[in-house]
Amino acid sequence: MTIITDSTGTSCSASIADAFKDAMASLCSPVTVITAMNEDTPVGATVSAFSSLSLTPPMVTVALDRRSRVLAAITATGRMGVNILGERDQELALNFATGGIDKFAHTPWHPETGLPRLLDVPGWLGCDVARIVGGGDHVIVLGNVVTLEQQPTQTLAYRNRRFGIHTPLPTPVRM
């Protein structure tokens, strides 16, 4: 897979970088574990920079660090799994956010169409990579959804550096 556009940008001051991190932390983001196979070894990482892109065809976007082993495996295979975490999956999210450990050692999973699928998570998307686009210290992976499954449960969210779930507001009454 080749990177079709590349915008590495310029460095910014520490104060702008810190303010940007705080501003982005104030946004509510979904929590996913992105997985791929590195030859016969599963790799994965917790990612909150994930969103839908298109309905026709069904597509998603995932932002990954350029140095990520998951990105290397995705680039090599052209495929990725998106495991959408639920309200009881905080430990799973922390496990896959930790570097330098075998993240799959104590995590139940099975191969689903050749991709590592975590067991008992409320959502699963199997994707073929459509394109990889560079942007600063990360890249955006555009994925065509080829298989999916969803369970009716609360999904995990991340906001202000804490896990949570979405609580709907009362519907306003219109006059």
N, C-alpha and C. Protein backbone atom coordinates (compact mmCIF):
# COMPACT_ATOMS: atom_id res chain seq x y z
N MET A 1 0.86 -1.17 0.00
CA MET A 1 0.00 0.00 0.00
C MET A 1 0.90 1.23 0.00
N THR A 2 0.58 2.21 -0.80
CA THR A 2 1.36 3.43 -0.85
C THR A 2 0.57 4.58 -0.25
N ILE A 3 1.30 5.52 0.29
CA ILE A 3 0.68 6.73 0.82
C ILE A 3 0.50 7.68 -0.35
N ILE A 4 -0.74 8.08 -0.62
CA ILE A 4 -0.99 8.86 -1.82
C ILE A 4 -0.78 10.36 -1.64
N THR A 5 -1.02 10.86 -0.45
CA THR A 5 -0.71 12.26 -0.18
C THR A 5 0.03 12.30 1.14
N ASP A 6 0.84 13.30 1.29
CA ASP A 6 1.64 13.37 2.50
C ASP A 6 1.74 14.81 2.96
N SER A 7 1.26 15.06 4.16
CA SER A 7 1.31 16.38 4.74
C SER A 7 1.94 16.27 6.11
N THR A 8 3.26 16.30 6.17
CA THR A 8 3.93 16.16 7.45
C THR A 8 3.91 17.47 8.23
N GLY A 9 3.64 18.56 7.54
CA GLY A 9 3.49 19.83 8.23
C GLY A 9 4.78 20.34 8.84
N THR A 10 4.63 21.34 9.66
CA THR A 10 5.76 21.92 10.36
C THR A 10 5.54 21.76 11.85
N SER A 11 6.61 21.93 12.59
CA SER A 11 6.48 21.81 14.04
C SER A 11 5.74 23.04 14.57
N CYS A 12 5.16 22.88 15.75
CA CYS A 12 4.46 24.00 16.38
C CYS A 12 5.01 24.17 17.79
N SER A 13 4.68 25.29 18.39
CA SER A 13 5.17 25.55 19.74
C SER A 13 4.55 24.57 20.72
N ALA A 14 5.22 24.38 21.85
CA ALA A 14 4.71 23.47 22.89
C ALA A 14 3.37 23.95 23.41
N SER A 15 3.18 25.26 23.52
CA SER A 15 1.91 25.77 24.05
C SER A 15 0.75 25.46 23.10
N ILE A 16 0.98 25.58 21.80
CA ILE A 16 -0.07 25.23 20.84
C ILE A 16 -0.33 23.73 20.86
N ALA A 17 0.72 22.93 20.93
CA ALA A 17 0.56 21.48 20.98
C ALA A 17 -0.24 21.06 22.21
N ASP A 18 0.07 21.63 23.36
CA ASP A 18 -0.66 21.30 24.59
C ASP A 18 -2.12 21.75 24.51
N ALA A 19 -2.35 22.96 24.00
CA ALA A 19 -3.72 23.46 23.86
C ALA A 19 -4.51 22.60 22.88
N PHE A 20 -3.86 22.16 21.81
CA PHE A 20 -4.52 21.30 20.82
C PHE A 20 -4.90 19.96 21.45
N LYS A 21 -3.99 19.37 22.22
CA LYS A 21 -4.29 18.10 22.91
C LYS A 21 -5.49 18.26 23.84
N ASP A 22 -5.51 19.36 24.60
CA ASP A 22 -6.63 19.60 25.52
C ASP A 22 -7.94 19.80 24.77
N ALA A 23 -7.89 20.54 23.66
CA ALA A 23 -9.10 20.77 22.87
C ALA A 23 -9.63 19.46 22.30
N MET A 24 -8.75 18.62 21.80
CA MET A 24 -9.18 17.34 21.23
C MET A 24 -9.67 16.38 22.32
N ALA A 25 -9.08 16.48 23.51
CA ALA A 25 -9.52 15.62 24.63
C ALA A 25 -10.94 15.96 25.06
N SER A 26 -11.38 17.19 24.81
CA SER A 26 -12.73 17.59 25.22
C SER A 26 -13.81 16.99 24.33
N LEU A 27 -13.42 16.41 23.21
CA LEU A 27 -14.39 15.79 22.30
C LEU A 27 -14.62 14.34 22.68
N CYS A 28 -15.84 13.90 22.57
CA CYS A 28 -16.18 12.51 22.85
C CYS A 28 -15.82 11.65 21.63
N SER A 29 -15.06 10.58 21.86
CA SER A 29 -14.60 9.72 20.77
C SER A 29 -14.95 8.27 21.05
N PRO A 30 -15.21 7.49 20.00
CA PRO A 30 -15.43 6.06 20.21
C PRO A 30 -14.12 5.38 20.58
N VAL A 31 -14.19 4.22 21.21
CA VAL A 31 -12.99 3.47 21.57
C VAL A 31 -13.01 2.16 20.79
N THR A 32 -11.96 1.94 20.01
CA THR A 32 -11.85 0.74 19.20
C THR A 32 -10.48 0.10 19.42
N VAL A 33 -10.38 -1.16 19.08
CA VAL A 33 -9.08 -1.82 18.97
C VAL A 33 -8.94 -2.22 17.51
N ILE A 34 -7.94 -1.65 16.86
CA ILE A 34 -7.67 -1.96 15.45
C ILE A 34 -6.70 -3.13 15.43
N THR A 35 -7.02 -4.15 14.63
CA THR A 35 -6.20 -5.36 14.59
C THR A 35 -5.81 -5.70 13.16
N ALA A 36 -4.73 -6.46 13.07
CA ALA A 36 -4.26 -6.97 11.78
C ALA A 36 -3.35 -8.17 12.07
N MET A 37 -2.95 -8.85 11.02
CA MET A 37 -2.02 -9.96 11.17
C MET A 37 -0.66 -9.54 10.62
N ASN A 38 0.38 -9.79 11.41
CA ASN A 38 1.76 -9.59 10.99
C ASN A 38 2.32 -11.00 10.77
N GLU A 39 2.22 -11.48 9.54
CA GLU A 39 2.48 -12.88 9.20
C GLU A 39 1.52 -13.75 10.01
N ASP A 40 1.99 -14.54 10.97
CA ASP A 40 1.10 -15.38 11.77
C ASP A 40 0.81 -14.80 13.15
N THR A 41 1.26 -13.58 13.40
CA THR A 41 1.13 -12.97 14.72
C THR A 41 0.09 -11.86 14.69
N PRO A 42 -0.90 -11.91 15.61
CA PRO A 42 -1.87 -10.81 15.66
C PRO A 42 -1.26 -9.57 16.31
N VAL A 43 -1.61 -8.41 15.79
CA VAL A 43 -1.20 -7.13 16.37
C VAL A 43 -2.44 -6.27 16.53
N GLY A 44 -2.40 -5.37 17.52
CA GLY A 44 -3.55 -4.51 17.75
C GLY A 44 -3.18 -3.29 18.56
N ALA A 45 -4.01 -2.27 18.46
CA ALA A 45 -3.81 -1.02 19.20
C ALA A 45 -5.15 -0.36 19.48
N THR A 46 -5.26 0.25 20.65
CA THR A 46 -6.44 1.03 20.99
C THR A 46 -6.41 2.33 20.19
N VAL A 47 -7.53 2.64 19.56
CA VAL A 47 -7.62 3.83 18.72
C VAL A 47 -8.96 4.51 18.97
N SER A 48 -8.90 5.82 19.24
CA SER A 48 -10.14 6.59 19.37
C SER A 48 -10.35 7.51 18.17
N ALA A 49 -9.37 7.60 17.29
CA ALA A 49 -9.50 8.40 16.07
C ALA A 49 -10.09 7.52 14.98
N PHE A 50 -11.39 7.24 15.12
CA PHE A 50 -12.12 6.33 14.23
C PHE A 50 -13.46 6.95 13.92
N SER A 51 -13.91 6.84 12.67
CA SER A 51 -15.25 7.33 12.32
C SER A 51 -15.74 6.68 11.03
N SER A 52 -17.05 6.80 10.81
CA SER A 52 -17.60 6.36 9.53
C SER A 52 -17.26 7.42 8.49
N LEU A 53 -17.19 6.99 7.24
CA LEU A 53 -16.87 7.91 6.15
C LEU A 53 -17.96 7.93 5.10
N SER A 54 -18.45 6.76 4.72
CA SER A 54 -19.38 6.67 3.59
C SER A 54 -20.37 5.53 3.82
N LEU A 55 -21.58 5.70 3.31
CA LEU A 55 -22.57 4.62 3.33
C LEU A 55 -22.53 3.82 2.03
N THR A 56 -22.23 4.49 0.91
CA THR A 56 -22.20 3.83 -0.38
C THR A 56 -20.88 4.13 -1.06
N PRO A 57 -19.90 3.26 -0.97
CA PRO A 57 -19.92 1.99 -0.24
C PRO A 57 -19.67 2.25 1.25
N PRO A 58 -19.97 1.27 2.10
CA PRO A 58 -19.68 1.44 3.54
C PRO A 58 -18.17 1.58 3.75
N MET A 59 -17.76 2.71 4.32
CA MET A 59 -16.33 2.98 4.56
C MET A 59 -16.13 3.61 5.93
N VAL A 60 -14.94 3.38 6.49
CA VAL A 60 -14.54 3.98 7.76
C VAL A 60 -13.16 4.61 7.62
N THR A 61 -12.83 5.48 8.58
CA THR A 61 -11.48 6.04 8.66
C THR A 61 -10.89 5.72 10.02
N VAL A 62 -9.59 5.48 10.03
CA VAL A 62 -8.84 5.23 11.26
C VAL A 62 -7.53 5.99 11.14
N ALA A 63 -7.17 6.74 12.18
CA ALA A 63 -5.88 7.43 12.19
C ALA A 63 -4.91 6.64 13.05
N LEU A 64 -3.73 6.35 12.49
CA LEU A 64 -2.70 5.57 13.18
C LEU A 64 -1.36 6.28 13.14
N ASP A 65 -0.60 6.14 14.20
CA ASP A 65 0.76 6.67 14.27
C ASP A 65 1.60 6.03 13.17
N ARG A 66 2.41 6.84 12.51
CA ARG A 66 3.27 6.33 11.43
C ARG A 66 4.20 5.21 11.89
N ARG A 67 4.56 5.19 13.18
CA ARG A 67 5.51 4.19 13.69
C ARG A 67 4.81 2.92 14.18
N SER A 68 3.51 2.86 14.06
CA SER A 68 2.72 1.77 14.62
C SER A 68 2.98 0.43 13.93
N ARG A 69 3.14 -0.63 14.74
CA ARG A 69 3.28 -1.98 14.20
C ARG A 69 1.98 -2.41 13.53
N VAL A 70 0.86 -1.92 14.04
CA VAL A 70 -0.43 -2.24 13.43
C VAL A 70 -0.48 -1.64 12.02
N LEU A 71 -0.03 -0.39 11.87
CA LEU A 71 -0.01 0.22 10.55
C LEU A 71 0.88 -0.57 9.60
N ALA A 72 2.03 -1.02 10.08
CA ALA A 72 2.93 -1.81 9.22
C ALA A 72 2.23 -3.07 8.73
N ALA A 73 1.51 -3.75 9.63
CA ALA A 73 0.79 -4.97 9.24
C ALA A 73 -0.36 -4.66 8.28
N ILE A 74 -1.08 -3.58 8.53
CA ILE A 74 -2.18 -3.18 7.64
C ILE A 74 -1.64 -2.84 6.26
N THR A 75 -0.54 -2.11 6.22
CA THR A 75 0.07 -1.74 4.94
C THR A 75 0.52 -2.99 4.18
N ALA A 76 1.08 -3.96 4.89
CA ALA A 76 1.57 -5.19 4.25
C ALA A 76 0.44 -6.07 3.73
N THR A 77 -0.68 -6.13 4.46
CA THR A 77 -1.76 -7.05 4.10
C THR A 77 -2.93 -6.40 3.36
N GLY A 78 -3.08 -5.08 3.53
CA GLY A 78 -4.21 -4.40 2.92
C GLY A 78 -5.53 -4.67 3.61
N ARG A 79 -5.47 -5.13 4.87
CA ARG A 79 -6.69 -5.47 5.61
C ARG A 79 -6.56 -5.04 7.06
N MET A 80 -7.71 -4.76 7.69
CA MET A 80 -7.72 -4.43 9.12
C MET A 80 -9.05 -4.83 9.74
N GLY A 81 -9.00 -5.11 11.04
CA GLY A 81 -10.20 -5.37 11.82
C GLY A 81 -10.46 -4.20 12.75
N VAL A 82 -11.72 -3.85 12.91
CA VAL A 82 -12.12 -2.80 13.84
C VAL A 82 -13.01 -3.45 14.90
N ASN A 83 -12.49 -3.53 16.11
CA ASN A 83 -13.22 -4.08 17.25
C ASN A 83 -13.78 -2.91 18.04
N ILE A 84 -15.09 -2.75 18.04
CA ILE A 84 -15.74 -1.63 18.73
C ILE A 84 -16.01 -2.06 20.17
N LEU A 85 -15.40 -1.35 21.12
CA LEU A 85 -15.47 -1.77 22.52
C LEU A 85 -16.75 -1.31 23.20
N GLY A 86 -17.14 -2.07 24.23
CA GLY A 86 -18.35 -1.78 24.98
C GLY A 86 -18.05 -1.22 26.35
N GLU A 87 -19.11 -0.91 27.08
CA GLU A 87 -18.99 -0.25 28.37
C GLU A 87 -18.20 -1.06 29.40
N ARG A 88 -18.05 -2.36 29.21
CA ARG A 88 -17.30 -3.20 30.15
C ARG A 88 -15.88 -3.50 29.67
N ASP A 89 -15.42 -2.80 28.65
CA ASP A 89 -14.14 -3.13 28.02
C ASP A 89 -13.00 -2.16 28.32
N GLN A 90 -13.07 -1.47 29.47
CA GLN A 90 -12.01 -0.51 29.80
C GLN A 90 -10.65 -1.18 29.92
N GLU A 91 -10.59 -2.34 30.58
CA GLU A 91 -9.31 -3.05 30.74
C GLU A 91 -8.75 -3.46 29.39
N LEU A 92 -9.62 -3.89 28.49
CA LEU A 92 -9.20 -4.26 27.14
C LEU A 92 -8.61 -3.06 26.43
N ALA A 93 -9.26 -1.91 26.56
CA ALA A 93 -8.75 -0.68 25.95
C ALA A 93 -7.38 -0.32 26.50
N LEU A 94 -7.22 -0.41 27.82
CA LEU A 94 -5.92 -0.10 28.44
C LEU A 94 -4.85 -1.09 28.02
N ASN A 95 -5.20 -2.37 27.94
CA ASN A 95 -4.25 -3.40 27.52
C ASN A 95 -3.70 -3.10 26.13
N PHE A 96 -4.57 -2.78 25.19
CA PHE A 96 -4.13 -2.54 23.81
C PHE A 96 -3.53 -1.15 23.62
N ALA A 97 -3.60 -0.30 24.64
CA ALA A 97 -2.96 1.01 24.60
C ALA A 97 -1.55 0.96 25.18
N THR A 98 -1.18 -0.18 25.75
CA THR A 98 0.12 -0.33 26.40
C THR A 98 1.13 -0.91 25.43
N GLY A 99 2.29 -0.26 25.33
CA GLY A 99 3.34 -0.76 24.44
C GLY A 99 4.24 -1.77 25.13
N GLY A 100 4.93 -2.55 24.33
CA GLY A 100 5.95 -3.46 24.85
C GLY A 100 5.44 -4.72 25.50
N ILE A 101 4.16 -5.07 25.31
CA ILE A 101 3.62 -6.30 25.90
C ILE A 101 2.95 -7.12 24.80
N ASP A 102 2.76 -8.41 25.07
CA ASP A 102 1.99 -9.25 24.16
C ASP A 102 0.51 -9.01 24.47
N LYS A 103 -0.11 -8.16 23.70
CA LYS A 103 -1.48 -7.73 23.97
C LYS A 103 -2.50 -8.86 23.82
N PHE A 104 -2.15 -9.89 23.08
CA PHE A 104 -3.07 -11.00 22.85
C PHE A 104 -2.85 -12.16 23.82
N ALA A 105 -1.85 -12.07 24.71
CA ALA A 105 -1.51 -13.18 25.60
C ALA A 105 -2.69 -13.60 26.48
N HIS A 106 -3.43 -12.66 26.98
CA HIS A 106 -4.55 -12.97 27.88
C HIS A 106 -5.87 -12.41 27.34
N THR A 107 -5.93 -12.22 26.04
CA THR A 107 -7.12 -11.66 25.41
C THR A 107 -7.76 -12.71 24.51
N PRO A 108 -8.99 -13.13 24.81
CA PRO A 108 -9.65 -14.10 23.93
C PRO A 108 -9.95 -13.49 22.55
N TRP A 109 -9.56 -14.21 21.51
CA TRP A 109 -9.79 -13.75 20.15
C TRP A 109 -9.85 -14.97 19.23
N HIS A 110 -10.33 -14.76 18.04
CA HIS A 110 -10.28 -15.80 17.02
C HIS A 110 -10.13 -15.13 15.65
N PRO A 111 -9.61 -15.89 14.68
CA PRO A 111 -9.49 -15.32 13.34
C PRO A 111 -10.86 -15.23 12.66
N GLU A 112 -11.17 -14.07 12.17
CA GLU A 112 -12.42 -13.84 11.43
C GLU A 112 -12.00 -13.34 10.05
N THR A 113 -12.23 -14.13 9.06
CA THR A 113 -11.78 -13.84 7.69
C THR A 113 -10.31 -13.43 7.65
N GLY A 114 -9.50 -14.11 8.46
CA GLY A 114 -8.06 -13.86 8.48
C GLY A 114 -7.62 -12.67 9.30
N LEU A 115 -8.53 -12.07 10.06
CA LEU A 115 -8.20 -10.92 10.91
C LEU A 115 -8.46 -11.27 12.36
N PRO A 116 -7.67 -10.71 13.31
CA PRO A 116 -7.91 -10.97 14.73
C PRO A 116 -9.18 -10.26 15.21
N ARG A 117 -10.16 -11.05 15.63
CA ARG A 117 -11.40 -10.50 16.17
C ARG A 117 -11.45 -10.79 17.66
N LEU A 118 -11.58 -9.74 18.46
CA LEU A 118 -11.68 -9.90 19.91
C LEU A 118 -13.06 -10.45 20.25
N LEU A 119 -13.09 -11.39 21.19
CA LEU A 119 -14.36 -12.01 21.58
C LEU A 119 -15.13 -11.10 22.53
N ASP A 120 -16.42 -11.18 22.45
CA ASP A 120 -17.33 -10.50 23.38
C ASP A 120 -17.28 -8.98 23.34
N VAL A 121 -16.88 -8.41 22.21
CA VAL A 121 -17.00 -6.95 22.06
C VAL A 121 -18.27 -6.69 21.24
N PRO A 122 -18.92 -5.55 21.45
CA PRO A 122 -20.23 -5.33 20.82
C PRO A 122 -20.21 -5.05 19.32
N GLY A 123 -19.05 -4.73 18.76
CA GLY A 123 -19.03 -4.42 17.34
C GLY A 123 -17.79 -4.94 16.65
N TRP A 124 -17.96 -5.34 15.40
CA TRP A 124 -16.84 -5.86 14.60
C TRP A 124 -17.01 -5.42 13.16
N LEU A 125 -15.94 -4.88 12.58
CA LEU A 125 -15.89 -4.55 11.16
C LEU A 125 -14.63 -5.16 10.57
N GLY A 126 -14.78 -5.93 9.53
CA GLY A 126 -13.64 -6.41 8.76
C GLY A 126 -13.52 -5.53 7.53
N CYS A 127 -12.32 -4.99 7.30
CA CYS A 127 -12.15 -3.99 6.24
C CYS A 127 -10.99 -4.32 5.30
N ASP A 128 -11.19 -4.00 4.03
CA ASP A 128 -10.11 -3.97 3.05
C ASP A 128 -9.67 -2.52 2.92
N VAL A 129 -8.37 -2.29 2.88
CA VAL A 129 -7.85 -0.93 2.80
C VAL A 129 -8.09 -0.37 1.39
N ALA A 130 -8.71 0.80 1.34
CA ALA A 130 -8.95 1.48 0.07
C ALA A 130 -7.81 2.46 -0.24
N ARG A 131 -7.31 3.10 0.81
CA ARG A 131 -6.29 4.13 0.61
C ARG A 131 -5.68 4.48 1.95
N ILE A 132 -4.43 4.92 1.91
CA ILE A 132 -3.75 5.43 3.10
C ILE A 132 -3.25 6.83 2.77
N VAL A 133 -3.62 7.80 3.62
CA VAL A 133 -3.31 9.20 3.37
C VAL A 133 -2.50 9.73 4.55
N GLY A 134 -1.36 10.35 4.27
CA GLY A 134 -0.51 10.89 5.32
C GLY A 134 -1.02 12.21 5.84
N GLY A 135 -0.75 12.46 7.13
CA GLY A 135 -1.11 13.74 7.75
C GLY A 135 -0.31 13.93 9.02
N GLY A 136 0.75 14.71 8.97
CA GLY A 136 1.56 14.94 10.16
C GLY A 136 2.23 13.67 10.64
N ASP A 137 2.17 13.43 11.96
CA ASP A 137 2.83 12.24 12.52
C ASP A 137 1.95 11.00 12.45
N HIS A 138 0.76 11.11 11.86
CA HIS A 138 -0.17 9.99 11.70
C HIS A 138 -0.53 9.81 10.23
N VAL A 139 -1.19 8.72 9.93
CA VAL A 139 -1.80 8.50 8.62
C VAL A 139 -3.26 8.15 8.83
N ILE A 140 -4.06 8.40 7.82
CA ILE A 140 -5.47 8.02 7.85
C ILE A 140 -5.64 6.82 6.93
N VAL A 141 -6.17 5.76 7.49
CA VAL A 141 -6.46 4.56 6.72
C VAL A 141 -7.94 4.58 6.36
N LEU A 142 -8.24 4.53 5.07
CA LEU A 142 -9.62 4.45 4.60
C LEU A 142 -9.93 2.98 4.35
N GLY A 143 -10.97 2.48 5.00
CA GLY A 143 -11.29 1.06 4.87
C GLY A 143 -12.67 0.82 4.30
N ASN A 144 -12.74 -0.12 3.34
CA ASN A 144 -14.03 -0.59 2.83
C ASN A 144 -14.51 -1.70 3.75
N VAL A 145 -15.69 -1.54 4.32
CA VAL A 145 -16.25 -2.54 5.23
C VAL A 145 -16.78 -3.71 4.39
N VAL A 146 -16.23 -4.91 4.66
CA VAL A 146 -16.65 -6.10 3.92
C VAL A 146 -17.44 -7.08 4.79
N THR A 147 -17.31 -6.96 6.10
CA THR A 147 -18.09 -7.79 7.02
C THR A 147 -18.32 -7.00 8.30
N LEU A 148 -19.46 -7.22 8.93
CA LEU A 148 -19.72 -6.51 10.19
C LEU A 148 -20.71 -7.28 11.04
N GLU A 149 -20.63 -6.98 12.33
CA GLU A 149 -21.58 -7.52 13.30
C GLU A 149 -21.70 -6.51 14.42
N GLN A 150 -22.92 -6.34 14.93
CA GLN A 150 -23.15 -5.39 16.01
C GLN A 150 -24.09 -6.00 17.03
N GLN A 151 -23.77 -5.81 18.31
CA GLN A 151 -24.62 -6.25 19.41
C GLN A 151 -25.32 -5.02 20.00
N PRO A 152 -26.53 -5.19 20.52
CA PRO A 152 -27.26 -4.05 21.10
C PRO A 152 -26.79 -3.75 22.53
N THR A 153 -25.72 -3.01 22.65
CA THR A 153 -25.19 -2.65 23.97
C THR A 153 -24.53 -1.29 23.88
N GLN A 154 -24.29 -0.68 25.04
CA GLN A 154 -23.60 0.62 25.09
C GLN A 154 -22.15 0.44 24.64
N THR A 155 -21.69 1.33 23.80
CA THR A 155 -20.29 1.30 23.39
C THR A 155 -19.48 2.25 24.25
N LEU A 156 -18.20 1.96 24.35
CA LEU A 156 -17.28 2.74 25.18
C LEU A 156 -16.89 4.03 24.46
N ALA A 157 -16.80 5.10 25.22
CA ALA A 157 -16.38 6.40 24.68
C ALA A 157 -15.21 6.91 25.51
N TYR A 158 -14.50 7.91 24.97
CA TYR A 158 -13.35 8.50 25.65
C TYR A 158 -13.47 10.01 25.54
N ARG A 159 -13.43 10.69 26.70
CA ARG A 159 -13.52 12.15 26.74
C ARG A 159 -12.79 12.66 27.97
N ASN A 160 -12.04 13.74 27.80
CA ASN A 160 -11.26 14.33 28.89
C ASN A 160 -10.39 13.29 29.59
N ARG A 161 -9.80 12.42 28.77
CA ARG A 161 -8.86 11.39 29.22
C ARG A 161 -9.49 10.38 30.18
N ARG A 162 -10.80 10.17 30.02
CA ARG A 162 -11.52 9.19 30.85
C ARG A 162 -12.49 8.41 29.97
N PHE A 163 -12.71 7.16 30.35
CA PHE A 163 -13.69 6.33 29.66
C PHE A 163 -15.08 6.64 30.19
N GLY A 164 -16.07 6.43 29.34
CA GLY A 164 -17.46 6.61 29.74
C GLY A 164 -18.38 6.04 28.69
N ILE A 165 -19.65 6.36 28.84
CA ILE A 165 -20.66 5.97 27.86
C ILE A 165 -21.50 7.20 27.54
N HIS A 166 -22.21 7.14 26.44
CA HIS A 166 -23.07 8.25 26.03
C HIS A 166 -24.36 8.22 26.85
N THR A 167 -24.72 9.36 27.39
CA THR A 167 -25.99 9.50 28.08
C THR A 167 -26.82 10.52 27.31
N PRO A 168 -27.91 10.09 26.69
CA PRO A 168 -28.71 11.02 25.90
C PRO A 168 -29.36 12.10 26.76
N LEU A 169 -29.47 13.28 26.20
CA LEU A 169 -30.20 14.37 26.84
C LEU A 169 -31.68 14.19 26.56
N PRO A 170 -32.53 14.78 27.41
CA PRO A 170 -33.97 14.73 27.10
C PRO A 170 -34.24 15.41 25.76
N THR A 171 -35.17 14.88 25.02
CA THR A 171 -35.52 15.48 23.74
C THR A 171 -36.24 16.80 24.00
N PRO A 172 -35.75 17.89 23.40
CA PRO A 172 -36.42 19.17 23.64
C PRO A 172 -37.81 19.19 23.00
N VAL A 173 -38.71 19.85 23.68
CA VAL A 173 -40.07 20.00 23.16
C VAL A 173 -40.09 21.24 22.29
N ARG A 174 -40.54 21.07 21.06
CA ARG A 174 -40.61 22.22 20.14
C ARG A 174 -42.00 22.81 20.18
N MET A 175 -42.04 24.11 20.23
CA MET A 175 -43.33 24.81 20.29
C MET A 175 -43.79 25.15 18.90
